[in-house]
C-alpha atoms as a PDB file:
ATOM      1  CA  MET A   1       0.026  -0.066   0.077  1.00  0.00           C
ATOM      2  CA  THR A   2       1.321   3.394  -0.948  1.00  0.00           C
ATOM      3  CA  LEU A   3       1.735   6.312   1.643  1.00  0.00           C
ATOM      4  CA  ASP A   4       1.881   9.764   0.482  1.00  0.00           C
ATOM      5  CA  LEU A   5       3.123  11.901   3.435  1.00  0.00           C
ATOM      6  CA  TYR A   6       3.361  15.650   3.212  1.00  0.00           C
ATOM      7  CA  LEU A   7       5.319  17.261   6.009  1.00  0.00           C
ATOM      8  CA  ILE A   8       4.599  20.854   6.528  1.00  0.00           C
ATOM      9  CA  ARG A   9       6.875  23.137   8.597  1.00  0.00           C
ATOM     10  CA  HIS A  10       4.914  25.740  10.590  1.00  0.00           C
ATOM     11  CA  ALA A  11       5.032  29.336   9.189  1.00  0.00           C
ATOM     12  CA  GLN A  12       7.260  32.011  10.617  1.00  0.00           C
ATOM     13  CA  THR A  13       7.225  32.965  14.366  1.00  0.00           C
ATOM     14  CA  PRO A  14       9.047  35.845  16.413  1.00  0.00           C
ATOM     15  CA  ARG A  15      11.732  33.271  17.594  1.00  0.00           C
ATOM     16  CA  ASN A  16      12.356  31.893  14.083  1.00  0.00           C
ATOM     17  CA  ALA A  17      12.416  35.523  12.713  1.00  0.00           C
ATOM     18  CA  GLU A  18      15.367  36.361  15.367  1.00  0.00           C
ATOM     19  CA  GLY A  19      17.116  33.225  14.740  1.00  0.00           C
ATOM     20  CA  ARG A  20      16.455  31.608  18.274  1.00  0.00           C
ATOM     21  CA  TYR A  21      16.082  27.883  19.072  1.00  0.00           C
ATOM     22  CA  PRO A  22      12.723  27.214  20.374  1.00  0.00           C
ATOM     23  CA  GLY A  23      11.887  25.970  23.784  1.00  0.00           C
ATOM     24  CA  ARG A  24       9.486  23.357  24.948  1.00  0.00           C
ATOM     25  CA  GLN A  25       7.464  25.985  26.839  1.00  0.00           C
ATOM     26  CA  ASP A  26       7.783  28.355  24.014  1.00  0.00           C
ATOM     27  CA  ASP A  27       4.356  28.479  22.213  1.00  0.00           C
ATOM     28  CA  ALA A  28       4.480  31.572  20.219  1.00  0.00           C
ATOM     29  CA  ALA A  29       1.896  32.489  17.740  1.00  0.00           C
ATOM     30  CA  LEU A  30       2.851  33.227  14.052  1.00  0.00           C
ATOM     31  CA  THR A  31       4.140  36.695  12.961  1.00  0.00           C
ATOM     32  CA  PRO A  32       2.135  38.691  10.424  1.00  0.00           C
ATOM     33  CA  GLU A  33       4.647  37.406   7.778  1.00  0.00           C
ATOM     34  CA  GLY A  34       3.934  33.692   9.081  1.00  0.00           C
ATOM     35  CA  GLU A  35       0.247  34.290   8.920  1.00  0.00           C
ATOM     36  CA  ARG A  36       0.651  35.385   5.197  1.00  0.00           C
ATOM     37  CA  GLN A  37       2.805  32.102   4.634  1.00  0.00           C
ATOM     38  CA  ALA A  38       0.312  29.973   6.184  1.00  0.00           C
ATOM     39  CA  ARG A  39      -2.639  31.366   3.979  1.00  0.00           C
ATOM     40  CA  ALA A  40      -0.740  31.035   0.782  1.00  0.00           C
ATOM     41  CA  LEU A  41      -0.357  27.176   1.129  1.00  0.00           C
ATOM     42  CA  HIS A  42      -2.392  25.102  -1.111  1.00  0.00           C
ATOM     43  CA  LEU A  43      -2.808  21.515   0.326  1.00  0.00           C
ATOM     44  CA  PRO A  44      -5.040  18.528  -0.553  1.00  0.00           C
ATOM     45  CA  GLU A  45      -8.330  18.582   1.036  1.00  0.00           C
ATOM     46  CA  SER A  46      -9.058  14.681   1.080  1.00  0.00           C
ATOM     47  CA  ALA A  47      -6.224  13.569   3.603  1.00  0.00           C
ATOM     48  CA  GLN A  48      -5.694  12.374   7.205  1.00  0.00           C
ATOM     49  CA  VAL A  49      -4.481  15.616   9.001  1.00  0.00           C
ATOM     50  CA  TRP A  50      -1.881  15.547  11.827  1.00  0.00           C
ATOM     51  CA  SER A  51      -0.322  18.418  13.932  1.00  0.00           C
ATOM     52  CA  SER A  52       2.170  19.015  16.633  1.00  0.00           C
ATOM     53  CA  PRO A  53       0.186  20.536  19.471  1.00  0.00           C
ATOM     54  CA  ALA A  54       2.436  23.617  19.426  1.00  0.00           C
ATOM     55  CA  ARG A  55       0.359  26.608  18.718  1.00  0.00           C
ATOM     56  CA  ARG A  56       2.522  27.725  15.602  1.00  0.00           C
ATOM     57  CA  CYS A  57       1.747  24.391  13.884  1.00  0.00           C
ATOM     58  CA  LEU A  58      -2.011  24.626  14.819  1.00  0.00           C
ATOM     59  CA  GLN A  59      -2.284  28.131  13.598  1.00  0.00           C
ATOM     60  CA  THR A  60      -0.687  27.147  10.359  1.00  0.00           C
ATOM     61  CA  ALA A  61      -2.888  24.300   9.862  1.00  0.00           C
ATOM     62  CA  THR A  62      -5.963  26.547  10.409  1.00  0.00           C
ATOM     63  CA  LEU A  63      -4.866  29.404   8.201  1.00  0.00           C
ATOM     64  CA  ALA A  64      -4.263  26.807   5.440  1.00  0.00           C
ATOM     65  CA  GLY A  65      -7.844  25.862   5.918  1.00  0.00           C
ATOM     66  CA  LEU A  66      -7.398  22.589   7.845  1.00  0.00           C
ATOM     67  CA  ASP A  67      -8.725  23.568  11.361  1.00  0.00           C
ATOM     68  CA  LYS A  68      -9.319  20.050  12.807  1.00  0.00           C
ATOM     69  CA  PRO A  69      -6.006  18.166  12.772  1.00  0.00           C
ATOM     70  CA  GLN A  70      -5.566  15.128  15.241  1.00  0.00           C
ATOM     71  CA  ARG A  71      -2.746  16.272  17.566  1.00  0.00           C
ATOM     72  CA  SER A  72       0.115  14.275  18.375  1.00  0.00           C
ATOM     73  CA  PRO A  73       3.255  15.146  20.605  1.00  0.00           C
ATOM     74  CA  ALA A  74       5.190  12.859  18.602  1.00  0.00           C
ATOM     75  CA  LEU A  75       5.297  15.750  16.041  1.00  0.00           C
ATOM     76  CA  LEU A  76       6.944  18.052  18.476  1.00  0.00           C
ATOM     77  CA  GLU A  77      10.196  19.900  17.706  1.00  0.00           C
ATOM     78  CA  ALA A  78      13.295  18.379  19.237  1.00  0.00           C
ATOM     79  CA  ASP A  79      13.989  19.315  22.876  1.00  0.00           C
ATOM     80  CA  PHE A  80      17.028  21.862  22.563  1.00  0.00           C
ATOM     81  CA  GLY A  81      17.399  22.027  26.395  1.00  0.00           C
ATOM     82  CA  GLU A  82      20.155  24.677  27.174  1.00  0.00           C
ATOM     83  CA  MET A  83      20.023  25.903  23.563  1.00  0.00           C
ATOM     84  CA  ALA A  84      16.443  26.982  23.798  1.00  0.00           C
ATOM     85  CA  GLY A  85      15.822  30.841  23.394  1.00  0.00           C
ATOM     86  CA  HIS A  86      19.526  31.455  22.078  1.00  0.00           C
ATOM     87  CA  THR A  87      20.847  32.441  18.766  1.00  0.00           C
ATOM     88  CA  TRP A  88      23.646  30.525  17.392  1.00  0.00           C
ATOM     89  CA  SER A  89      25.854  33.327  17.905  1.00  0.00           C
ATOM     90  CA  GLU A  90      25.024  33.520  21.405  1.00  0.00           C
ATOM     91  CA  LEU A  91      25.679  29.967  21.868  1.00  0.00           C
ATOM     92  CA  GLU A  92      29.053  30.071  20.348  1.00  0.00           C
ATOM     93  CA  THR A  93      29.796  33.226  22.644  1.00  0.00           C
ATOM     94  CA  ARG A  94      29.007  31.516  25.940  1.00  0.00           C
ATOM     95  CA  TYR A  95      29.921  27.835  25.111  1.00  0.00           C
ATOM     96  CA  GLY A  96      32.452  27.955  22.272  1.00  0.00           C
ATOM     97  CA  THR A  97      32.316  25.075  20.093  1.00  0.00           C
ATOM     98  CA  GLN A  98      30.189  22.837  22.431  1.00  0.00           C
ATOM     99  CA  PRO A  99      27.027  23.835  20.571  1.00  0.00           C
ATOM    100  CA  ARG A 100      28.253  22.194  17.278  1.00  0.00           C
ATOM    101  CA  HIS A 101      28.751  18.889  19.355  1.00  0.00           C
ATOM    102  CA  TRP A 102      25.116  19.001  20.929  1.00  0.00           C
ATOM    103  CA  ILE A 103      23.472  19.637  17.534  1.00  0.00           C
ATOM    104  CA  ASP A 104      25.717  16.954  15.849  1.00  0.00           C
ATOM    105  CA  ALA A 105      24.588  14.364  18.566  1.00  0.00           C
ATOM    106  CA  LEU A 106      21.010  15.394  18.269  1.00  0.00           C
ATOM    107  CA  SER A 107      21.129  14.944  14.529  1.00  0.00           C
ATOM    108  CA  ASP A 108      22.621  11.432  15.275  1.00  0.00           C
ATOM    109  CA  PRO A 109      19.954   8.717  15.472  1.00  0.00           C
ATOM    110  CA  THR A 110      22.366   6.373  17.362  1.00  0.00           C
ATOM    111  CA  SER A 111      23.722   9.170  19.730  1.00  0.00           C
ATOM    112  CA  GLU A 112      22.935   9.000  23.594  1.00  0.00           C
ATOM    113  CA  SER A 113      24.211  12.786  23.790  1.00  0.00           C
ATOM    114  CA  GLY A 114      22.414  16.004  22.872  1.00  0.00           C
ATOM    115  CA  PRO A 115      21.950  19.506  24.357  1.00  0.00           C
ATOM    116  CA  PRO A 116      22.189  19.654  27.905  1.00  0.00           C
ATOM    117  CA  GLY A 117      18.833  19.352  29.516  1.00  0.00           C
ATOM    118  CA  GLY A 118      17.259  18.330  26.076  1.00  0.00           C
ATOM    119  CA  GLU A 119      16.652  15.169  24.159  1.00  0.00           C
ATOM    120  CA  THR A 120      19.445  12.733  22.814  1.00  0.00           C
ATOM    121  CA  GLY A 121      19.695  11.947  19.125  1.00  0.00           C
ATOM    122  CA  ARG A 122      18.439   8.424  19.923  1.00  0.00           C
ATOM    123  CA  ALA A 123      15.468   9.459  21.766  1.00  0.00           C
ATOM    124  CA  PHE A 124      14.494  12.199  19.245  1.00  0.00           C
ATOM    125  CA  HIS A 125      14.803   9.960  16.295  1.00  0.00           C
ATOM    126  CA  ALA A 126      13.081   7.002  18.172  1.00  0.00           C
ATOM    127  CA  ARG A 127      10.030   9.274  18.618  1.00  0.00           C
ATOM    128  CA  VAL A 128      10.030  10.194  14.827  1.00  0.00           C
ATOM    129  CA  GLN A 129      10.397   6.580  13.919  1.00  0.00           C
ATOM    130  CA  THR A 130       7.746   5.470  15.944  1.00  0.00           C
ATOM    131  CA  TRP A 131       5.226   7.820  14.493  1.00  0.00           C
ATOM    132  CA  LEU A 132       6.542   7.124  10.731  1.00  0.00           C
ATOM    133  CA  ASP A 133       5.996   3.454  11.278  1.00  0.00           C
ATOM    134  CA  ALA A 134       2.330   3.822  12.597  1.00  0.00           C
ATOM    135  CA  LEU A 135       1.273   5.551   9.749  1.00  0.00           C
ATOM    136  CA  PRO A 136      -1.293   3.858   7.377  1.00  0.00           C
ATOM    137  CA  GLY A 137      -1.029   3.780   3.755  1.00  0.00           C
ATOM    138  CA  GLU A 138      -3.060   6.795   2.608  1.00  0.00           C
ATOM    139  CA  THR A 139      -2.541  10.503   2.106  1.00  0.00           C
ATOM    140  CA  THR A 140      -1.374  12.214   5.262  1.00  0.00           C
ATOM    141  CA  LEU A 141      -0.641  15.747   6.049  1.00  0.00           C
ATOM    142  CA  ALA A 142       1.522  16.587   9.075  1.00  0.00           C
ATOM    143  CA  PHE A 143       2.027  20.139  10.447  1.00  0.00           C
ATOM    144  CA  THR A 144       5.165  19.915  12.262  1.00  0.00           C
ATOM    145  CA  HIS A 145       8.867  21.446  12.697  1.00  0.00           C
ATOM    146  CA  ALA A 146      11.885  21.638  10.906  1.00  0.00           C
ATOM    147  CA  GLY A 147      13.772  19.378  13.214  1.00  0.00           C
ATOM    148  CA  PHE A 148      11.100  16.717  12.901  1.00  0.00           C
ATOM    149  CA  ILE A 149      11.288  16.872   9.239  1.00  0.00           C
ATOM    150  CA  LEU A 150      15.050  16.696   9.016  1.00  0.00           C
ATOM    151  CA  ALA A 151      14.933  13.773  11.214  1.00  0.00           C
ATOM    152  CA  ALA A 152      12.302  12.073   9.053  1.00  0.00           C
ATOM    153  CA  LEU A 153      14.606  12.809   5.939  1.00  0.00           C
ATOM    154  CA  ARG A 154      17.450  11.203   7.806  1.00  0.00           C
ATOM    155  CA  LEU A 155      15.509   7.960   8.863  1.00  0.00           C
ATOM    156  CA  THR A 156      13.896   7.493   5.552  1.00  0.00           C
ATOM    157  CA  LEU A 157      16.360   8.586   2.762  1.00  0.00           C
ATOM    158  CA  GLY A 158      19.624   8.980   4.791  1.00  0.00           C
ATOM    159  CA  PHE A 159      19.887  12.650   4.164  1.00  0.00           C
ATOM    160  CA  SER A 160      22.469  14.388   6.526  1.00  0.00           C
ATOM    161  CA  ALA A 161      21.276  17.942   5.887  1.00  0.00           C
ATOM    162  CA  ALA A 162      18.590  19.978   4.135  1.00  0.00           C
ATOM    163  CA  ARG A 163      17.311  23.332   4.310  1.00  0.00           C
ATOM    164  CA  ILE A 164      13.390  23.284   5.420  1.00  0.00           C
ATOM    165  CA  HIS A 165      11.485  26.741   4.943  1.00  0.00           C
ATOM    166  CA  HIS A 166       8.775  28.036   6.696  1.00  0.00           C
ATOM    167  CA  ALA A 167       5.502  27.059   5.586  1.00  0.00           C
ATOM    168  CA  ARG A 168       6.474  24.785   2.878  1.00  0.00           C
ATOM    169  CA  VAL A 169       5.911  21.066   2.307  1.00  0.00           C
ATOM    170  CA  THR A 170       8.192  18.058   2.071  1.00  0.00           C
ATOM    171  CA  HIS A 171       6.407  15.124   0.321  1.00  0.00           C
ATOM    172  CA  LEU A 172       7.580  11.680   0.968  1.00  0.00           C
ATOM    173  CA  ARG A 173       6.205   8.640  -0.635  1.00  0.00           C
ATOM    174  CA  ARG A 174       6.556   4.997   0.916  1.00  0.00           C
ATOM    175  CA  ALA A 175       5.558   1.817  -1.125  1.00  0.00           C
ATOM    176  CA  GLY A 176       6.835  -1.734  -0.774  1.00  0.00           C
ATOM    177  CA  GLY A 177       8.795  -0.705   2.377  1.00  0.00           C
ATOM    178  CA  ALA A 178      10.776   1.867   0.527  1.00  0.00           C
ATOM    179  CA  TRP A 179      10.650   5.574   0.852  1.00  0.00           C
ATOM    180  CA  TRP A 180      11.560   8.166  -2.039  1.00  0.00           C
ATOM    181  CA  LEU A 181      11.348  12.016  -1.920  1.00  0.00           C
ATOM    182  CA  GLU A 182       8.776  13.455  -4.251  1.00  0.00           C
ATOM    183  CA  GLY A 183       9.429  17.193  -3.444  1.00  0.00           C
ATOM    184  CA  LEU A 184      11.276  19.501  -0.977  1.00  0.00           C
ATOM    185  CA  ASN A 185      10.019  23.028   0.129  1.00  0.00           C
ATOM    186  CA  LEU A 186       6.994  22.891  -1.998  1.00  0.00           C
ATOM    187  CA  ASP A 187       4.196  25.706  -1.731  1.00  0.00           C
ATOM    188  CA  ARG A 188       1.498  23.936  -3.537  1.00  0.00           C
ATOM    189  CA  LEU A 189       0.325  20.560  -4.305  1.00  0.00           C
END
């Protein structure tokens, strides 16, 4: 059975505009630019719709015309722990080269490390993999976060990095146990 999975990164928030890592308790609404981005999305109407419980994801879904998604904490962003609320520059000033090691560990599905006070690479990727494994073979939309989408690309296709734009869609297809990329940073389907 074929699964078409559309992973939608939430639209811009104030923290994103400032280049700050989000925290678990950071539940910011979208910026006016983010609201415009979300309204500009063109998505399939007949699909199973999921969302991270974060307000920025739910608001993106609503403004895109999909106001009743199923909520799943599995779709939350990685827990950045000590990095939350800071820009990369602030982190380097305060911790030197350590933030690079924390992000590398969080990006490694086998790592038992990650940002202090945050998720390990293994725990984060296990959460993403469990959600992916539970999907039935049908069209599915999921409003989520850049880190979740990157982890899904890593787990399904072996990607090491990709730029994931706000309010854009990553289209993955699964058939016969194999995954492939149909599109990255799409704004309409």
